[in-house]
């Protein structure tokens, strides 16, 4: 038998956690199940997993859809004590599978949480675990503040007393042996809305603790849109020196010239400016943080891969590229003959239409280092749009 987890609740007993993430999340209108969709810079699932891990849950069993192990592992990378299992056809079946996966661990308590509630305050976890000292189950609840109407074919057929009703949230906390027995005994035939309902059928007392409005469930596309500014803008600027004996890469193209740009990578000053603009638009630092100039992996590297990396980060953050406006500042070479090819190449790297990319050039009227043809500068502005 496996050693019991060492992590403890406030009263010194061990606890584990289950995250139910086996649904498809179709109402959220996302291209992938909503539990893996970016929200506030991370996959939805990762938020609650990190919160439970920080609170001391060990292990954390995550019920995922069939064939979703790769995307789930990526979403949960580096979080300790994660254990993935395949969920069932219903929520109750998924929870039962997860509980069975914990049998050898013998945790004293277990918290069962829905992945679609990513903002999980530590205070709620502490209240739930504290309640288990005197009752076999506890759930977080909030009062109903709106008036309630009983519906009959689209017409009001009566009202309900909101003072006696509560909105139920997760995680829900139970003594492990009790909730395992309750799920094993479940034969209702209809889906259980939550684990408190399963517990109630076998007569377990379930206490109410104060929930938190932060535990809102992400259900519809609007729930994701509200969390992202609809439009963000970033600016990038870069400079490299010209020197004899170097290749000149500019805007993703190898251009014939008597001198080239000096840099750790291929020194494509135009693409570097674009990368910084994209990173700036999503608040992801600058090119040097992602591709350090002292890292030998990037010696002579093509800057095109830096652009593709930045574009992927934009998508991961929940945005799509609206447009990129690039200006190259130099006396020579002449950019005009290459402008169209640069526009096409940049659009290809970004995965957008050429109409979303602008490439321009200007000089400094022979003033400054670019005017003296000592180097080339570039500046770029990128606009990204919320992708949902």
Foldseek 3Di string as FASTA:
>chain_A
DDEADCFAAPVRFAEAEEEEAADALVQAVDPGRQQLAAFPQARLQQLVLVVCVVLGHAAYEYAYAPPCVVSVCVRNPPRPNYHYDHADPASLRRVLVRLVVCVVNQGQKYWYAYSQQRNADSVVVNQFSVVVVPFFKEWAWAADDDWAFDDDPRDGPGTDDRVVDIHTHDGIMGGSVQLNVLSVPDDPVDGDPDSVVSSVVVPGDYYYDHDDPSRDGSRYNVSRVVRDDFKFKFKFKFKFFWDAPAFAAELNDTDDDRTHTDAQASPHQQLQGVLRGLCRRLVNDHLCVVPPRVDNVRRNHRSLVSLLVSLVSCVSNQKAWQAKEKEKEAPDDDCVVVQVVSLVSSCVSNVHDSVRYHYYYDYPCLDDCRSVVRIMMMMMMTMIGRND
